[in-house]
Amino acid sequence: MDGHFTRRAVFPGTLRMDANLQTAALLAAEVSSGKGTAWRPRTVSAVKIRSFVCPGETLRLEARRTGRSDGGLSVAVEARIQQRLIGSADIQFSAEAHS
């Protein structure tokens, strides 16, 4: 399959961002947003992709809550290979009523 880097296979950045969102959403699901509401991703900022992820490398994602207010939740996600930071993002959630 042809891609951005035809001579070097790498894990696509868009899939890494999707994994960041899923990891942050798992953390958000553990934090109560109030009766009858759920956390929904609102914005993604400060996205940094510092290094490629090559086939066979193990990527570890870590999410931590960085803020909470009425109706809002902030989560920082970091991606590491072993101890080396290779990417990060900040994700803001808002509380929305279940449909």
PDB file of N, CA and C in Angstrom:
ATOM      1  N   MET A   1       0.843  -1.182   0.000  1.00  0.00           N
ATOM      2  CA  MET A   1       0.000   0.000   0.000  1.00  0.00           C
ATOM      3  C   MET A   1       0.885   1.240   0.000  1.00  0.00           C
ATOM      4  N   ASP A   2       0.644   2.139  -0.930  1.00  0.00           N
ATOM      5  CA  ASP A   2       1.392   3.384  -0.978  1.00  0.00           C
ATOM      6  C   ASP A   2       0.868   4.330   0.095  1.00  0.00           C
ATOM      7  N   GLY A   3       1.760   5.098   0.657  1.00  0.00           N
ATOM      8  CA  GLY A   3       1.375   6.052   1.689  1.00  0.00           C
ATOM      9  C   GLY A   3       2.338   7.212   1.700  1.00  0.00           C
ATOM     10  N   HIS A   4       2.320   7.973   2.773  1.00  0.00           N
ATOM     11  CA  HIS A   4       3.214   9.118   2.924  1.00  0.00           C
ATOM     12  C   HIS A   4       4.679   8.710   2.833  1.00  0.00           C
ATOM     13  N   PHE A   5       5.017   7.631   3.534  1.00  0.00           N
ATOM     14  CA  PHE A   5       6.402   7.215   3.652  1.00  0.00           C
ATOM     15  C   PHE A   5       6.554   5.851   2.979  1.00  0.00           C
ATOM     16  N   THR A   6       6.674   5.854   1.666  1.00  0.00           N
ATOM     17  CA  THR A   6       6.674   4.612   0.904  1.00  0.00           C
ATOM     18  C   THR A   6       7.920   3.763   1.143  1.00  0.00           C
ATOM     19  N   ARG A   7       8.984   4.348   1.605  1.00  0.00           N
ATOM     20  CA  ARG A   7      10.220   3.588   1.836  1.00  0.00           C
ATOM     21  C   ARG A   7      10.397   3.182   3.294  1.00  0.00           C
ATOM     22  N   ARG A   8       9.508   3.625   4.140  1.00  0.00           N
ATOM     23  CA  ARG A   8       9.622   3.312   5.575  1.00  0.00           C
ATOM     24  C   ARG A   8       8.221   3.110   6.131  1.00  0.00           C
ATOM     25  N   ALA A   9       7.923   1.890   6.538  1.00  0.00           N
ATOM     26  CA  ALA A   9       6.605   1.605   7.113  1.00  0.00           C
ATOM     27  C   ALA A   9       6.510   2.233   8.498  1.00  0.00           C
ATOM     28  N   VAL A  10       5.454   3.003   8.733  1.00  0.00           N
ATOM     29  CA  VAL A  10       5.215   3.614  10.035  1.00  0.00           C
ATOM     30  C   VAL A  10       3.731   3.531  10.356  1.00  0.00           C
ATOM     31  N   PHE A  11       3.414   3.593  11.648  1.00  0.00           N
ATOM     32  CA  PHE A  11       2.034   3.621  12.105  1.00  0.00           C
ATOM     33  C   PHE A  11       1.480   5.017  11.834  1.00  0.00           C
ATOM     34  N   PRO A  12       0.357   5.131  11.121  1.00  0.00           N
ATOM     35  CA  PRO A  12      -0.162   6.446  10.731  1.00  0.00           C
ATOM     36  C   PRO A  12      -0.534   7.345  11.921  1.00  0.00           C
ATOM     37  N   GLY A  13      -0.215   8.616  11.799  1.00  0.00           N
ATOM     38  CA  GLY A  13      -0.530   9.590  12.843  1.00  0.00           C
ATOM     39  C   GLY A  13      -2.022   9.709  13.112  1.00  0.00           C
ATOM     40  N   THR A  14      -2.849   9.539  12.087  1.00  0.00           N
ATOM     41  CA  THR A  14      -4.304   9.626  12.305  1.00  0.00           C
ATOM     42  C   THR A  14      -4.793   8.488  13.183  1.00  0.00           C
ATOM     43  N   LEU A  15      -4.210   7.313  13.031  1.00  0.00           N
ATOM     44  CA  LEU A  15      -4.588   6.193  13.908  1.00  0.00           C
ATOM     45  C   LEU A  15      -4.060   6.401  15.317  1.00  0.00           C
ATOM     46  N   ARG A  16      -2.907   7.034  15.430  1.00  0.00           N
ATOM     47  CA  ARG A  16      -2.381   7.365  16.768  1.00  0.00           C
ATOM     48  C   ARG A  16      -3.312   8.352  17.464  1.00  0.00           C
ATOM     49  N   MET A  17      -3.822   9.341  16.708  1.00  0.00           N
ATOM     50  CA  MET A  17      -4.740  10.312  17.310  1.00  0.00           C
ATOM     51  C   MET A  17      -6.031   9.639  17.726  1.00  0.00           C
ATOM     52  N   ASP A  18      -6.531   8.709  16.915  1.00  0.00           N
ATOM     53  CA  ASP A  18      -7.725   7.955  17.278  1.00  0.00           C
ATOM     54  C   ASP A  18      -7.485   7.177  18.575  1.00  0.00           C
ATOM     55  N   ALA A  19      -6.317   6.566  18.697  1.00  0.00           N
ATOM     56  CA  ALA A  19      -5.986   5.826  19.926  1.00  0.00           C
ATOM     57  C   ALA A  19      -5.921   6.779  21.126  1.00  0.00           C
ATOM     58  N   ASN A  20      -5.385   7.995  20.922  1.00  0.00           N
ATOM     59  CA  ASN A  20      -5.368   9.004  21.994  1.00  0.00           C
ATOM     60  C   ASN A  20      -6.790   9.329  22.451  1.00  0.00           C
ATOM     61  N   LEU A  21      -7.691   9.551  21.493  1.00  0.00           N
ATOM     62  CA  LEU A  21      -9.083   9.874  21.825  1.00  0.00           C
ATOM     63  C   LEU A  21      -9.755   8.730  22.573  1.00  0.00           C
ATOM     64  N   GLN A  22      -9.524   7.506  22.127  1.00  0.00           N
ATOM     65  CA  GLN A  22     -10.126   6.356  22.803  1.00  0.00           C
ATOM     66  C   GLN A  22      -9.599   6.207  24.228  1.00  0.00           C
ATOM     67  N   THR A  23      -8.301   6.425  24.416  1.00  0.00           N
ATOM     68  CA  THR A  23      -7.705   6.329  25.751  1.00  0.00           C
ATOM     69  C   THR A  23      -8.260   7.408  26.665  1.00  0.00           C
ATOM     70  N   ALA A  24      -8.352   8.640  26.168  1.00  0.00           N
ATOM     71  CA  ALA A  24      -8.916   9.736  26.964  1.00  0.00           C
ATOM     72  C   ALA A  24     -10.381   9.463  27.295  1.00  0.00           C
ATOM     73  N   ALA A  25     -11.132   8.911  26.351  1.00  0.00           N
ATOM     74  CA  ALA A  25     -12.552   8.610  26.582  1.00  0.00           C
ATOM     75  C   ALA A  25     -12.718   7.537  27.655  1.00  0.00           C
ATOM     76  N   LEU A  26     -11.809   6.565  27.717  1.00  0.00           N
ATOM     77  CA  LEU A  26     -11.870   5.549  28.775  1.00  0.00           C
ATOM     78  C   LEU A  26     -11.702   6.195  30.147  1.00  0.00           C
ATOM     79  N   LEU A  27     -10.753   7.128  30.250  1.00  0.00           N
ATOM     80  CA  LEU A  27     -10.561   7.840  31.518  1.00  0.00           C
ATOM     81  C   LEU A  27     -11.784   8.684  31.837  1.00  0.00           C
ATOM     82  N   ALA A  28     -12.301   9.405  30.857  1.00  0.00           N
ATOM     83  CA  ALA A  28     -13.470  10.261  31.076  1.00  0.00           C
ATOM     84  C   ALA A  28     -14.664   9.437  31.552  1.00  0.00           C
ATOM     85  N   ALA A  29     -14.808   8.228  31.032  1.00  0.00           N
ATOM     86  CA  ALA A  29     -15.938   7.376  31.419  1.00  0.00           C
ATOM     87  C   ALA A  29     -15.881   7.000  32.898  1.00  0.00           C
ATOM     88  N   GLU A  30     -14.691   7.041  33.483  1.00  0.00           N
ATOM     89  CA  GLU A  30     -14.533   6.726  34.903  1.00  0.00           C
ATOM     90  C   GLU A  30     -14.865   7.907  35.807  1.00  0.00           C
ATOM     91  N   VAL A  31     -14.974   9.105  35.225  1.00  0.00           N
ATOM     92  CA  VAL A  31     -15.244  10.327  35.989  1.00  0.00           C
ATOM     93  C   VAL A  31     -16.713  10.681  35.827  1.00  0.00           C
ATOM     94  N   SER A  32     -17.420  10.811  36.931  1.00  0.00           N
ATOM     95  CA  SER A  32     -18.848  11.138  36.864  1.00  0.00           C
ATOM     96  C   SER A  32     -19.049  12.510  36.225  1.00  0.00           C
ATOM     97  N   SER A  33     -19.965  12.565  35.266  1.00  0.00           N
ATOM     98  CA  SER A  33     -20.289  13.841  34.617  1.00  0.00           C
ATOM     99  C   SER A  33     -21.636  14.374  35.095  1.00  0.00           C
ATOM    100  N   GLY A  34     -22.259  13.677  36.019  1.00  0.00           N
ATOM    101  CA  GLY A  34     -23.556  14.095  36.543  1.00  0.00           C
ATOM    102  C   GLY A  34     -24.646  13.175  36.039  1.00  0.00           C
ATOM    103  N   LYS A  35     -25.746  13.181  36.733  1.00  0.00           N
ATOM    104  CA  LYS A  35     -26.844  12.281  36.401  1.00  0.00           C
ATOM    105  C   LYS A  35     -27.427  12.601  35.024  1.00  0.00           C
ATOM    106  N   GLY A  36     -27.519  11.567  34.193  1.00  0.00           N
ATOM    107  CA  GLY A  36     -28.131  11.727  32.877  1.00  0.00           C
ATOM    108  C   GLY A  36     -27.248  12.377  31.835  1.00  0.00           C
ATOM    109  N   THR A  37     -25.944  12.524  32.121  1.00  0.00           N
ATOM    110  CA  THR A  37     -25.043  13.129  31.131  1.00  0.00           C
ATOM    111  C   THR A  37     -23.848  12.216  30.883  1.00  0.00           C
ATOM    112  N   ALA A  38     -23.152  12.477  29.801  1.00  0.00           N
ATOM    113  CA  ALA A  38     -21.937  11.741  29.454  1.00  0.00           C
ATOM    114  C   ALA A  38     -20.911  12.722  28.906  1.00  0.00           C
ATOM    115  N   TRP A  39     -19.640  12.383  29.032  1.00  0.00           N
ATOM    116  CA  TRP A  39     -18.582  13.223  28.477  1.00  0.00           C
ATOM    117  C   TRP A  39     -18.468  13.001  26.979  1.00  0.00           C
ATOM    118  N   ARG A  40     -18.383  14.080  26.237  1.00  0.00           N
ATOM    119  CA  ARG A  40     -18.187  14.027  24.790  1.00  0.00           C
ATOM    120  C   ARG A  40     -16.953  14.866  24.441  1.00  0.00           C
ATOM    121  N   PRO A  41     -16.063  14.342  23.590  1.00  0.00           N
ATOM    122  CA  PRO A  41     -14.893  15.142  23.199  1.00  0.00           C
ATOM    123  C   PRO A  41     -15.328  16.427  22.505  1.00  0.00           C
ATOM    124  N   ARG A  42     -14.729  17.532  22.899  1.00  0.00           N
ATOM    125  CA  ARG A  42     -15.079  18.838  22.332  1.00  0.00           C
ATOM    126  C   ARG A  42     -13.934  19.381  21.468  1.00  0.00           C
ATOM    127  N   THR A  43     -12.722  19.424  22.021  1.00  0.00           N
ATOM    128  CA  THR A  43     -11.575  19.938  21.269  1.00  0.00           C
ATOM    129  C   THR A  43     -10.332  19.095  21.566  1.00  0.00           C
ATOM    130  N   VAL A  44      -9.453  19.078  20.595  1.00  0.00           N
ATOM    131  CA  VAL A  44      -8.145  18.447  20.736  1.00  0.00           C
ATOM    132  C   VAL A  44      -7.120  19.523  20.417  1.00  0.00           C
ATOM    133  N   SER A  45      -6.152  19.706  21.305  1.00  0.00           N
ATOM    134  CA  SER A  45      -5.150  20.750  21.090  1.00  0.00           C
ATOM    135  C   SER A  45      -3.768  20.247  21.514  1.00  0.00           C
ATOM    136  N   ALA A  46      -2.778  21.069  21.249  1.00  0.00           N
ATOM    137  CA  ALA A  46      -1.388  20.776  21.629  1.00  0.00           C
ATOM    138  C   ALA A  46      -0.952  19.385  21.165  1.00  0.00           C
ATOM    139  N   VAL A  47      -1.375  18.999  19.961  1.00  0.00           N
ATOM    140  CA  VAL A  47      -1.002  17.686  19.426  1.00  0.00           C
ATOM    141  C   VAL A  47       0.459  17.735  18.973  1.00  0.00           C
ATOM    142  N   LYS A  48       1.237  16.784  19.479  1.00  0.00           N
ATOM    143  CA  LYS A  48       2.644  16.697  19.093  1.00  0.00           C
ATOM    144  C   LYS A  48       2.945  15.244  18.723  1.00  0.00           C
ATOM    145  N   ILE A  49       3.475  15.037  17.539  1.00  0.00           N
ATOM    146  CA  ILE A  49       3.959  13.728  17.124  1.00  0.00           C
ATOM    147  C   ILE A  49       5.467  13.887  16.970  1.00  0.00           C
ATOM    148  N   ARG A  50       6.200  13.384  17.940  1.00  0.00           N
ATOM    149  CA  ARG A  50       7.634  13.628  18.030  1.00  0.00           C
ATOM    150  C   ARG A  50       8.490  12.566  17.348  1.00  0.00           C
ATOM    151  N   SER A  51       7.890  11.400  17.085  1.00  0.00           N
ATOM    152  CA  SER A  51       8.680  10.309  16.545  1.00  0.00           C
ATOM    153  C   SER A  51       7.774   9.334  15.810  1.00  0.00           C
ATOM    154  N   PHE A  52       8.333   8.621  14.868  1.00  0.00           N
ATOM    155  CA  PHE A  52       7.601   7.576  14.159  1.00  0.00           C
ATOM    156  C   PHE A  52       7.426   6.358  15.062  1.00  0.00           C
ATOM    157  N   VAL A  53       6.391   5.571  14.775  1.00  0.00           N
ATOM    158  CA  VAL A  53       6.199   4.266  15.399  1.00  0.00           C
ATOM    159  C   VAL A  53       6.338   3.246  14.275  1.00  0.00           C
ATOM    160  N   CYS A  54       7.331   2.395  14.390  1.00  0.00           N
ATOM    161  CA  CYS A  54       7.621   1.412  13.346  1.00  0.00           C
ATOM    162  C   CYS A  54       6.964   0.075  13.669  1.00  0.00           C
ATOM    163  N   PRO A  55       6.776  -0.766  12.664  1.00  0.00           N
ATOM    164  CA  PRO A  55       6.194  -2.088  12.895  1.00  0.00           C
ATOM    165  C   PRO A  55       6.957  -2.848  13.980  1.00  0.00           C
ATOM    166  N   GLY A  56       6.214  -3.489  14.875  1.00  0.00           N
ATOM    167  CA  GLY A  56       6.810  -4.279  15.944  1.00  0.00           C
ATOM    168  C   GLY A  56       7.078  -3.511  17.227  1.00  0.00           C
ATOM    169  N   GLU A  57       7.014  -2.181  17.196  1.00  0.00           N
ATOM    170  CA  GLU A  57       7.237  -1.404  18.417  1.00  0.00           C
ATOM    171  C   GLU A  57       5.957  -1.384  19.249  1.00  0.00           C
ATOM    172  N   THR A  58       6.122  -1.410  20.554  1.00  0.00           N
ATOM    173  CA  THR A  58       4.985  -1.362  21.473  1.00  0.00           C
ATOM    174  C   THR A  58       4.768   0.073  21.911  1.00  0.00           C
ATOM    175  N   LEU A  59       3.577   0.563  21.674  1.00  0.00           N
ATOM    176  CA  LEU A  59       3.200   1.929  22.027  1.00  0.00           C
ATOM    177  C   LEU A  59       2.376   1.894  23.303  1.00  0.00           C
ATOM    178  N   ARG A  60       2.776   2.657  24.311  1.00  0.00           N
ATOM    179  CA  ARG A  60       2.044   2.736  25.571  1.00  0.00           C
ATOM    180  C   ARG A  60       1.392   4.113  25.679  1.00  0.00           C
ATOM    181  N   LEU A  61       0.074   4.124  25.861  1.00  0.00           N
ATOM    182  CA  LEU A  61      -0.670   5.374  26.004  1.00  0.00           C
ATOM    183  C   LEU A  61      -1.035   5.581  27.463  1.00  0.00           C
ATOM    184  N   GLU A  62      -0.867   6.806  27.936  1.00  0.00           N
ATOM    185  CA  GLU A  62      -1.211   7.162  29.312  1.00  0.00           C
ATOM    186  C   GLU A  62      -2.102   8.396  29.280  1.00  0.00           C
ATOM    187  N   ALA A  63      -3.196   8.343  30.021  1.00  0.00           N
ATOM    188  CA  ALA A  63      -4.104   9.494  30.110  1.00  0.00           C
ATOM    189  C   ALA A  63      -4.196   9.927  31.563  1.00  0.00           C
ATOM    190  N   ARG A  64      -4.234  11.241  31.780  1.00  0.00           N
ATOM    191  CA  ARG A  64      -4.419  11.764  33.140  1.00  0.00           C
ATOM    192  C   ARG A  64      -5.336  12.980  33.088  1.00  0.00           C
ATOM    193  N   ARG A  65      -6.159  13.088  34.080  1.00  0.00           N
ATOM    194  CA  ARG A  65      -7.055  14.234  34.176  1.00  0.00           C
ATOM    195  C   ARG A  65      -6.242  15.452  34.587  1.00  0.00           C
ATOM    196  N   THR A  66      -6.403  16.547  33.858  1.00  0.00           N
ATOM    197  CA  THR A  66      -5.650  17.764  34.160  1.00  0.00           C
ATOM    198  C   THR A  66      -6.539  18.899  34.640  1.00  0.00           C
ATOM    199  N   GLY A  67      -7.850  18.724  34.557  1.00  0.00           N
ATOM    200  CA  GLY A  67      -8.754  19.770  35.021  1.00  0.00           C
ATOM    201  C   GLY A  67     -10.188  19.303  34.998  1.00  0.00           C
ATOM    202  N   ARG A  68     -10.991  19.952  35.823  1.00  0.00           N
ATOM    203  CA  ARG A  68     -12.420  19.627  35.885  1.00  0.00           C
ATOM    204  C   ARG A  68     -13.154  20.865  36.331  1.00  0.00           C
ATOM    205  N   SER A  69     -14.251  21.156  35.650  1.00  0.00           N
ATOM    206  CA  SER A  69     -15.113  22.274  36.027  1.00  0.00           C
ATOM    207  C   SER A  69     -16.542  21.833  35.789  1.00  0.00           C
ATOM    208  N   ASP A  70     -17.502  22.684  36.132  1.00  0.00           N
ATOM    209  CA  ASP A  70     -18.898  22.358  35.850  1.00  0.00           C
ATOM    210  C   ASP A  70     -19.061  22.161  34.355  1.00  0.00           C
ATOM    211  N   GLY A  71     -19.377  20.953  33.967  1.00  0.00           N
ATOM    212  CA  GLY A  71     -19.619  20.670  32.559  1.00  0.00           C
ATOM    213  C   GLY A  71     -18.399  20.485  31.705  1.00  0.00           C
ATOM    214  N   GLY A  72     -17.184  20.477  32.291  1.00  0.00           N
ATOM    215  CA  GLY A  72     -15.974  20.327  31.491  1.00  0.00           C
ATOM    216  C   GLY A  72     -14.947  19.417  32.138  1.00  0.00           C
ATOM    217  N   LEU A  73     -14.177  18.741  31.320  1.00  0.00           N
ATOM    218  CA  LEU A  73     -13.128  17.838  31.781  1.00  0.00           C
ATOM    219  C   LEU A  73     -11.954  17.951  30.820  1.00  0.00           C
ATOM    220  N   SER A  74     -10.751  18.089  31.365  1.00  0.00           N
ATOM    221  CA  SER A  74      -9.540  18.168  30.554  1.00  0.00           C
ATOM    222  C   SER A  74      -8.697  16.924  30.801  1.00  0.00           C
ATOM    223  N   VAL A  75      -8.200  16.334  29.714  1.00  0.00           N
ATOM    224  CA  VAL A  75      -7.388  15.127  29.803  1.00  0.00           C
ATOM    225  C   VAL A  75      -6.141  15.312  28.939  1.00  0.00           C
ATOM    226  N   ALA A  76      -4.986  14.946  29.483  1.00  0.00           N
ATOM    227  CA  ALA A  76      -3.734  14.936  28.721  1.00  0.00           C
ATOM    228  C   ALA A  76      -3.392  13.485  28.411  1.00  0.00           C
ATOM    229  N   VAL A  77      -2.996  13.227  27.168  1.00  0.00           N
ATOM    230  CA  VAL A  77      -2.599  11.880  26.754  1.00  0.00           C
ATOM    231  C   VAL A  77      -1.159  11.937  26.274  1.00  0.00           C
ATOM    232  N   GLU A  78      -0.360  10.969  26.719  1.00  0.00           N
ATOM    233  CA  GLU A  78       1.017  10.845  26.261  1.00  0.00           C
ATOM    234  C   GLU A  78       1.229   9.458  25.676  1.00  0.00           C
ATOM    235  N   ALA A  79       2.007   9.400  24.604  1.00  0.00           N
ATOM    236  CA  ALA A  79       2.373   8.131  23.973  1.00  0.00           C
ATOM    237  C   ALA A  79       3.867   7.924  24.186  1.00  0.00           C
ATOM    238  N   ARG A  80       4.219   6.703  24.587  1.00  0.00           N
ATOM    239  CA  ARG A  80       5.623   6.385  24.856  1.00  0.00           C
ATOM    240  C   ARG A  80       6.000   5.054  24.225  1.00  0.00           C
ATOM    241  N   ILE A  81       7.242   4.971  23.834  1.00  0.00           N
ATOM    242  CA  ILE A  81       7.871   3.704  23.493  1.00  0.00           C
ATOM    243  C   ILE A  81       8.940   3.524  24.553  1.00  0.00           C
ATOM    244  N   GLN A  82       8.761   2.494  25.368  1.00  0.00           N
ATOM    245  CA  GLN A  82       9.543   2.312  26.586  1.00  0.00           C
ATOM    246  C   GLN A  82       9.365   3.581  27.420  1.00  0.00           C
ATOM    247  N   GLN A  83      10.413   4.291  27.766  1.00  0.00           N
ATOM    248  CA  GLN A  83      10.277   5.518  28.559  1.00  0.00           C
ATOM    249  C   GLN A  83      10.284   6.781  27.707  1.00  0.00           C
ATOM    250  N   ARG A  84      10.533   6.634  26.416  1.00  0.00           N
ATOM    251  CA  ARG A  84      10.697   7.794  25.522  1.00  0.00           C
ATOM    252  C   ARG A  84       9.346   8.355  25.091  1.00  0.00           C
ATOM    253  N   LEU A  85       9.112   9.640  25.393  1.00  0.00           N
ATOM    254  CA  LEU A  85       7.898  10.331  24.972  1.00  0.00           C
ATOM    255  C   LEU A  85       7.958  10.549  23.469  1.00  0.00           C
ATOM    256  N   ILE A  86       6.929  10.035  22.761  1.00  0.00           N
ATOM    257  CA  ILE A  86       6.928  10.180  21.303  1.00  0.00           C
ATOM    258  C   ILE A  86       5.717  10.948  20.786  1.00  0.00           C
ATOM    259  N   GLY A  87       4.785  11.304  21.672  1.00  0.00           N
ATOM    260  CA  GLY A  87       3.625  12.073  21.239  1.00  0.00           C
ATOM    261  C   GLY A  87       2.758  12.465  22.414  1.00  0.00           C
ATOM    262  N   SER A  88       1.937  13.502  22.204  1.00  0.00           N
ATOM    263  CA  SER A  88       1.051  13.962  23.270  1.00  0.00           C
ATOM    264  C   SER A  88      -0.089  14.784  22.669  1.00  0.00           C
ATOM    265  N   ALA A  89      -1.130  14.952  23.469  1.00  0.00           N
ATOM    266  CA  ALA A  89      -2.267  15.778  23.068  1.00  0.00           C
ATOM    267  C   ALA A  89      -3.073  16.152  24.303  1.00  0.00           C
ATOM    268  N   ASP A  90      -3.771  17.260  24.237  1.00  0.00           N
ATOM    269  CA  ASP A  90      -4.712  17.679  25.273  1.00  0.00           C
ATOM    270  C   ASP A  90      -6.112  17.572  24.684  1.00  0.00           C
ATOM    271  N   ILE A  91      -7.026  16.959  25.447  1.00  0.00           N
ATOM    272  CA  ILE A  91      -8.385  16.742  24.964  1.00  0.00           C
ATOM    273  C   ILE A  91      -9.369  17.315  25.967  1.00  0.00           C
ATOM    274  N   GLN A  92     -10.272  18.142  25.472  1.00  0.00           N
ATOM    275  CA  GLN A  92     -11.299  18.763  26.301  1.00  0.00           C
ATOM    276  C   GLN A  92     -12.620  18.068  26.059  1.00  0.00           C
ATOM    277  N   PHE A  93     -13.308  17.717  27.138  1.00  0.00           N
ATOM    278  CA  PHE A  93     -14.618  17.081  27.064  1.00  0.00           C
ATOM    279  C   PHE A  93     -15.659  18.026  27.642  1.00  0.00           C
ATOM    280  N   SER A  94     -16.882  17.901  27.168  1.00  0.00           N
ATOM    281  CA  SER A  94     -17.997  18.633  27.770  1.00  0.00           C
ATOM    282  C   SER A  94     -19.067  17.622  28.130  1.00  0.00           C
ATOM    283  N   ALA A  95     -19.844  17.936  29.160  1.00  0.00           N
ATOM    284  CA  ALA A  95     -20.927  17.061  29.585  1.00  0.00           C
ATOM    285  C   ALA A  95     -22.149  17.334  28.728  1.00  0.00           C
ATOM    286  N   GLU A  96     -22.715  16.284  28.148  1.00  0.00           N
ATOM    287  CA  GLU A  96     -23.903  16.421  27.310  1.00  0.00           C
ATOM    288  C   GLU A  96     -24.926  15.392  27.756  1.00  0.00           C
ATOM    289  N   ALA A  97     -26.181  15.774  27.656  1.00  0.00           N
ATOM    290  CA  ALA A  97     -27.270  14.867  28.043  1.00  0.00           C
ATOM    291  C   ALA A  97     -27.302  13.666  27.125  1.00  0.00           C
ATOM    292  N   HIS A  98     -27.595  12.504  27.714  1.00  0.00           N
ATOM    293  CA  HIS A  98     -27.769  11.276  26.902  1.00  0.00           C
ATOM    294  C   HIS A  98     -28.972  11.456  25.990  1.00  0.00           C
ATOM    295  N   SER A  99     -28.885  10.921  24.777  1.00  0.00           N
ATOM    296  CA  SER A  99     -30.035  10.995  23.879  1.00  0.00           C
ATOM    297  C   SER A  99     -30.840   9.732  23.919  1.00  0.00           C
TER     298      SER A  99
END
